[in-house]
Amino acid sequence: MTNVQDLFPVNVAESELEDYSVTDAGWYAVDDAEKIVLGPFVSLEECERAIRERSRPPV
């Protein structure tokens, strides 16, 4: 079974776009290496929901 990395929500501001190599500000799910995995989302709640859905084991 593959190990799922932990994902964390991060709010990327306009001034941090280049740091994360993204073009839009917003909420993103990042891994332990601070690499963007999901996003952008307009709210923390949407980002957290996507993280939960991604971490669910396949049926």
PDB file of N, CA and C in Angstrom:
ATOM      1  N   MET A   1       0.837  -1.182   0.000  1.00  0.00           N
ATOM      2  CA  MET A   1       0.000   0.000   0.000  1.00  0.00           C
ATOM      3  C   MET A   1       0.881   1.245   0.000  1.00  0.00           C
ATOM      4  N   THR A   2       0.529   2.213  -0.808  1.00  0.00           N
ATOM      5  CA  THR A   2       1.302   3.446  -0.915  1.00  0.00           C
ATOM      6  C   THR A   2       1.053   4.338   0.291  1.00  0.00           C
ATOM      7  N   ASN A   3       2.096   4.978   0.779  1.00  0.00           N
ATOM      8  CA  ASN A   3       1.981   5.911   1.882  1.00  0.00           C
ATOM      9  C   ASN A   3       1.475   7.252   1.364  1.00  0.00           C
ATOM     10  N   VAL A   4       0.392   7.766   1.947  1.00  0.00           N
ATOM     11  CA  VAL A   4      -0.141   9.069   1.557  1.00  0.00           C
ATOM     12  C   VAL A   4       0.572  10.122   2.386  1.00  0.00           C
ATOM     13  N   GLN A   5       1.128  11.121   1.720  1.00  0.00           N
ATOM     14  CA  GLN A   5       1.808  12.193   2.434  1.00  0.00           C
ATOM     15  C   GLN A   5       0.782  13.075   3.119  1.00  0.00           C
ATOM     16  N   ASP A   6       1.169  13.648   4.240  1.00  0.00           N
ATOM     17  CA  ASP A   6       0.308  14.596   4.915  1.00  0.00           C
ATOM     18  C   ASP A   6       0.233  15.864   4.090  1.00  0.00           C
ATOM     19  N   LEU A   7      -0.965  16.412   3.987  1.00  0.00           N
ATOM     20  CA  LEU A   7      -1.175  17.673   3.293  1.00  0.00           C
ATOM     21  C   LEU A   7      -1.658  18.699   4.300  1.00  0.00           C
ATOM     22  N   PHE A   8      -1.245  19.947   4.097  1.00  0.00           N
ATOM     23  CA  PHE A   8      -1.586  21.029   4.989  1.00  0.00           C
ATOM     24  C   PHE A   8      -2.131  22.204   4.187  1.00  0.00           C
ATOM     25  N   PRO A   9      -3.158  22.899   4.712  1.00  0.00           N
ATOM     26  CA  PRO A   9      -3.661  24.079   4.019  1.00  0.00           C
ATOM     27  C   PRO A   9      -2.728  25.267   4.229  1.00  0.00           C
ATOM     28  N   VAL A  10      -2.500  26.010   3.150  1.00  0.00           N
ATOM     29  CA  VAL A  10      -1.667  27.210   3.204  1.00  0.00           C
ATOM     30  C   VAL A  10      -2.369  28.299   2.421  1.00  0.00           C
ATOM     31  N   ASN A  11      -2.447  29.492   3.001  1.00  0.00           N
ATOM     32  CA  ASN A  11      -3.026  30.631   2.302  1.00  0.00           C
ATOM     33  C   ASN A  11      -1.888  31.390   1.618  1.00  0.00           C
ATOM     34  N   VAL A  12      -1.841  31.328   0.291  1.00  0.00           N
ATOM     35  CA  VAL A  12      -0.789  31.983  -0.480  1.00  0.00           C
ATOM     36  C   VAL A  12      -1.268  33.378  -0.871  1.00  0.00           C
ATOM     37  N   ALA A  13      -0.560  34.379  -0.403  1.00  0.00           N
ATOM     38  CA  ALA A  13      -0.884  35.775  -0.703  1.00  0.00           C
ATOM     39  C   ALA A  13      -0.278  36.175  -2.047  1.00  0.00           C
ATOM     40  N   GLU A  14      -0.773  37.278  -2.600  1.00  0.00           N
ATOM     41  CA  GLU A  14      -0.251  37.797  -3.875  1.00  0.00           C
ATOM     42  C   GLU A  14       1.277  37.944  -3.828  1.00  0.00           C
ATOM     43  N   SER A  15       1.800  38.382  -2.699  1.00  0.00           N
ATOM     44  CA  SER A  15       3.245  38.618  -2.578  1.00  0.00           C
ATOM     45  C   SER A  15       4.056  37.321  -2.518  1.00  0.00           C
ATOM     46  N   GLU A  16       3.399  36.165  -2.358  1.00  0.00           N
ATOM     47  CA  GLU A  16       4.104  34.885  -2.248  1.00  0.00           C
ATOM     48  C   GLU A  16       3.940  33.997  -3.478  1.00  0.00           C
ATOM     49  N   LEU A  17       3.302  34.489  -4.526  1.00  0.00           N
ATOM     50  CA  LEU A  17       3.021  33.667  -5.703  1.00  0.00           C
ATOM     51  C   LEU A  17       4.282  33.034  -6.276  1.00  0.00           C
ATOM     52  N   GLU A  18       5.336  33.810  -6.433  1.00  0.00           N
ATOM     53  CA  GLU A  18       6.580  33.284  -7.001  1.00  0.00           C
ATOM     54  C   GLU A  18       7.218  32.236  -6.086  1.00  0.00           C
ATOM     55  N   ASP A  19       7.093  32.422  -4.771  1.00  0.00           N
ATOM     56  CA  ASP A  19       7.672  31.465  -3.819  1.00  0.00           C
ATOM     57  C   ASP A  19       7.087  30.070  -4.006  1.00  0.00           C
ATOM     58  N   TYR A  20       5.806  30.017  -4.359  1.00  0.00           N
ATOM     59  CA  TYR A  20       5.122  28.729  -4.522  1.00  0.00           C
ATOM     60  C   TYR A  20       4.937  28.344  -5.994  1.00  0.00           C
ATOM     61  N   SER A  21       5.406  29.159  -6.906  1.00  0.00           N
ATOM     62  CA  SER A  21       5.280  28.907  -8.351  1.00  0.00           C
ATOM     63  C   SER A  21       3.830  28.717  -8.781  1.00  0.00           C
ATOM     64  N   VAL A  22       2.967  29.613  -8.303  1.00  0.00           N
ATOM     65  CA  VAL A  22       1.569  29.614  -8.706  1.00  0.00           C
ATOM     66  C   VAL A  22       1.211  30.988  -9.257  1.00  0.00           C
ATOM     67  N   THR A  23       0.083  31.059  -9.969  1.00  0.00           N
ATOM     68  CA  THR A  23      -0.319  32.317 -10.588  1.00  0.00           C
ATOM     69  C   THR A  23      -1.488  32.990  -9.884  1.00  0.00           C
ATOM     70  N   ASP A  24      -2.157  32.265  -8.984  1.00  0.00           N
ATOM     71  CA  ASP A  24      -3.322  32.817  -8.298  1.00  0.00           C
ATOM     72  C   ASP A  24      -3.163  32.715  -6.791  1.00  0.00           C
ATOM     73  N   ALA A  25      -3.556  33.772  -6.102  1.00  0.00           N
ATOM     74  CA  ALA A  25      -3.581  33.736  -4.644  1.00  0.00           C
ATOM     75  C   ALA A  25      -4.751  32.876  -4.196  1.00  0.00           C
ATOM     76  N   GLY A  26      -4.669  32.334  -2.999  1.00  0.00           N
ATOM     77  CA  GLY A  26      -5.756  31.540  -2.446  1.00  0.00           C
ATOM     78  C   GLY A  26      -5.234  30.450  -1.548  1.00  0.00           C
ATOM     79  N   TRP A  27      -6.127  29.554  -1.188  1.00  0.00           N
ATOM     80  CA  TRP A  27      -5.778  28.427  -0.326  1.00  0.00           C
ATOM     81  C   TRP A  27      -5.305  27.256  -1.163  1.00  0.00           C
ATOM     82  N   TYR A  28      -4.215  26.641  -0.717  1.00  0.00           N
ATOM     83  CA  TYR A  28      -3.633  25.488  -1.409  1.00  0.00           C
ATOM     84  C   TYR A  28      -3.336  24.399  -0.394  1.00  0.00           C
ATOM     85  N   ALA A  29      -3.358  23.156  -0.854  1.00  0.00           N
ATOM     86  CA  ALA A  29      -2.898  22.034  -0.043  1.00  0.00           C
ATOM     87  C   ALA A  29      -1.455  21.774  -0.440  1.00  0.00           C
ATOM     88  N   VAL A  30      -0.564  21.779   0.540  1.00  0.00           N
ATOM     89  CA  VAL A  30       0.853  21.549   0.277  1.00  0.00           C
ATOM     90  C   VAL A  30       1.310  20.313   1.047  1.00  0.00           C
ATOM     91  N   ASP A  31       2.351  19.660   0.536  1.00  0.00           N
ATOM     92  CA  ASP A  31       2.895  18.487   1.219  1.00  0.00           C
ATOM     93  C   ASP A  31       4.016  18.897   2.163  1.00  0.00           C
ATOM     94  N   ASP A  32       4.656  17.910   2.757  1.00  0.00           N
ATOM     95  CA  ASP A  32       5.718  18.181   3.735  1.00  0.00           C
ATOM     96  C   ASP A  32       6.883  18.975   3.153  1.00  0.00           C
ATOM     97  N   ALA A  33       7.084  18.884   1.846  1.00  0.00           N
ATOM     98  CA  ALA A  33       8.163  19.610   1.182  1.00  0.00           C
ATOM     99  C   ALA A  33       7.703  20.985   0.698  1.00  0.00           C
ATOM    100  N   GLU A  34       6.503  21.410   1.126  1.00  0.00           N
ATOM    101  CA  GLU A  34       5.893  22.678   0.730  1.00  0.00           C
ATOM    102  C   GLU A  34       5.641  22.770  -0.775  1.00  0.00           C
ATOM    103  N   LYS A  35       5.389  21.623  -1.396  1.00  0.00           N
ATOM    104  CA  LYS A  35       5.030  21.569  -2.809  1.00  0.00           C
ATOM    105  C   LYS A  35       3.511  21.594  -2.914  1.00  0.00           C
ATOM    106  N   ILE A  36       2.991  22.454  -3.799  1.00  0.00           N
ATOM    107  CA  ILE A  36       1.549  22.552  -4.018  1.00  0.00           C
ATOM    108  C   ILE A  36       1.041  21.239  -4.599  1.00  0.00           C
ATOM    109  N   VAL A  37      -0.017  20.701  -4.002  1.00  0.00           N
ATOM    110  CA  VAL A  37      -0.614  19.459  -4.467  1.00  0.00           C
ATOM    111  C   VAL A  37      -2.028  19.714  -4.998  1.00  0.00           C
ATOM    112  N   LEU A  38      -2.788  20.574  -4.335  1.00  0.00           N
ATOM    113  CA  LEU A  38      -4.158  20.882  -4.726  1.00  0.00           C
ATOM    114  C   LEU A  38      -4.409  22.378  -4.605  1.00  0.00           C
ATOM    115  N   GLY A  39      -5.318  22.890  -5.416  1.00  0.00           N
ATOM    116  CA  GLY A  39      -5.722  24.284  -5.267  1.00  0.00           C
ATOM    117  C   GLY A  39      -5.594  25.045  -6.553  1.00  0.00           C
ATOM    118  N   PRO A  40      -5.976  26.274  -6.552  1.00  0.00           N
ATOM    119  CA  PRO A  40      -6.363  27.098  -5.407  1.00  0.00           C
ATOM    120  C   PRO A  40      -7.832  26.909  -5.030  1.00  0.00           C
ATOM    121  N   PHE A  41      -8.117  27.225  -3.771  1.00  0.00           N
ATOM    122  CA  PHE A  41      -9.466  27.211  -3.242  1.00  0.00           C
ATOM    123  C   PHE A  41      -9.769  28.598  -2.695  1.00  0.00           C
ATOM    124  N   VAL A  42     -11.045  28.973  -2.700  1.00  0.00           N
ATOM    125  CA  VAL A  42     -11.417  30.307  -2.225  1.00  0.00           C
ATOM    126  C   VAL A  42     -11.515  30.383  -0.709  1.00  0.00           C
ATOM    127  N   SER A  43     -11.610  29.223  -0.052  1.00  0.00           N
ATOM    128  CA  SER A  43     -11.729  29.255   1.407  1.00  0.00           C
ATOM    129  C   SER A  43     -10.933  28.107   2.038  1.00  0.00           C
ATOM    130  N   LEU A  44     -10.633  28.292   3.300  1.00  0.00           N
ATOM    131  CA  LEU A  44      -9.956  27.255   4.076  1.00  0.00           C
ATOM    132  C   LEU A  44     -10.828  25.998   4.134  1.00  0.00           C
ATOM    133  N   GLU A  45     -12.120  26.174   4.291  1.00  0.00           N
ATOM    134  CA  GLU A  45     -13.031  25.033   4.380  1.00  0.00           C
ATOM    135  C   GLU A  45     -12.981  24.179   3.123  1.00  0.00           C
ATOM    136  N   GLU A  46     -12.978  24.809   1.945  1.00  0.00           N
ATOM    137  CA  GLU A  46     -12.897  24.063   0.682  1.00  0.00           C
ATOM    138  C   GLU A  46     -11.581  23.302   0.588  1.00  0.00           C
ATOM    139  N   CYS A  47     -10.504  23.950   0.986  1.00  0.00           N
ATOM    140  CA  CYS A  47      -9.184  23.319   0.944  1.00  0.00           C
ATOM    141  C   CYS A  47      -9.135  22.112   1.880  1.00  0.00           C
ATOM    142  N   GLU A  48      -9.633  22.271   3.092  1.00  0.00           N
ATOM    143  CA  GLU A  48      -9.632  21.166   4.054  1.00  0.00           C
ATOM    144  C   GLU A  48     -10.497  20.007   3.567  1.00  0.00           C
ATOM    145  N   ARG A  49     -11.628  20.309   2.930  1.00  0.00           N
ATOM    146  CA  ARG A  49     -12.491  19.260   2.387  1.00  0.00           C
ATOM    147  C   ARG A  49     -11.756  18.463   1.311  1.00  0.00           C
ATOM    148  N   ALA A  50     -11.061  19.167   0.429  1.00  0.00           N
ATOM    149  CA  ALA A  50     -10.310  18.495  -0.643  1.00  0.00           C
ATOM    150  C   ALA A  50      -9.192  17.626  -0.067  1.00  0.00           C
ATOM    151  N   ILE A  51      -8.545  18.091   0.992  1.00  0.00           N
ATOM    152  CA  ILE A  51      -7.495  17.302   1.637  1.00  0.00           C
ATOM    153  C   ILE A  51      -8.095  16.026   2.223  1.00  0.00           C
ATOM    154  N   ARG A  52      -9.232  16.149   2.908  1.00  0.00           N
ATOM    155  CA  ARG A  52      -9.883  14.961   3.489  1.00  0.00           C
ATOM    156  C   ARG A  52     -10.276  13.970   2.404  1.00  0.00           C
ATOM    157  N   GLU A  53     -10.861  14.474   1.316  1.00  0.00           N
ATOM    158  CA  GLU A  53     -11.287  13.593   0.225  1.00  0.00           C
ATOM    159  C   GLU A  53     -10.099  12.887  -0.415  1.00  0.00           C
ATOM    160  N   ARG A  54      -9.003  13.584  -0.559  1.00  0.00           N
ATOM    161  CA  ARG A  54      -7.818  12.977  -1.183  1.00  0.00           C
ATOM    162  C   ARG A  54      -7.205  11.899  -0.286  1.00  0.00           C
ATOM    163  N   SER A  55      -7.308  12.089   1.020  1.00  0.00           N
ATOM    164  CA  SER A  55      -6.670  11.152   1.946  1.00  0.00           C
ATOM    165  C   SER A  55      -7.533   9.928   2.250  1.00  0.00           C
ATOM    166  N   ARG A  56      -8.772   9.910   1.775  1.00  0.00           N
ATOM    167  CA  ARG A  56      -9.623   8.731   1.980  1.00  0.00           C
ATOM    168  C   ARG A  56      -9.087   7.568   1.171  1.00  0.00           C
ATOM    169  N   PRO A  57      -9.115   6.385   1.780  1.00  0.00           N
ATOM    170  CA  PRO A  57      -8.680   5.204   1.018  1.00  0.00           C
ATOM    171  C   PRO A  57      -9.672   4.896  -0.106  1.00  0.00           C
ATOM    172  N   PRO A  58      -9.175   4.369  -1.233  1.00  0.00           N
ATOM    173  CA  PRO A  58     -10.077   4.032  -2.334  1.00  0.00           C
ATOM    174  C   PRO A  58     -11.037   2.927  -1.919  1.00  0.00           C
ATOM    175  N   VAL A  59     -12.230   2.996  -2.467  1.00  0.00           N
ATOM    176  CA  VAL A  59     -13.259   2.003  -2.128  1.00  0.00           C
ATOM    177  C   VAL A  59     -13.084   0.769  -2.941  1.00  0.00           C
TER     178      VAL A  59
END
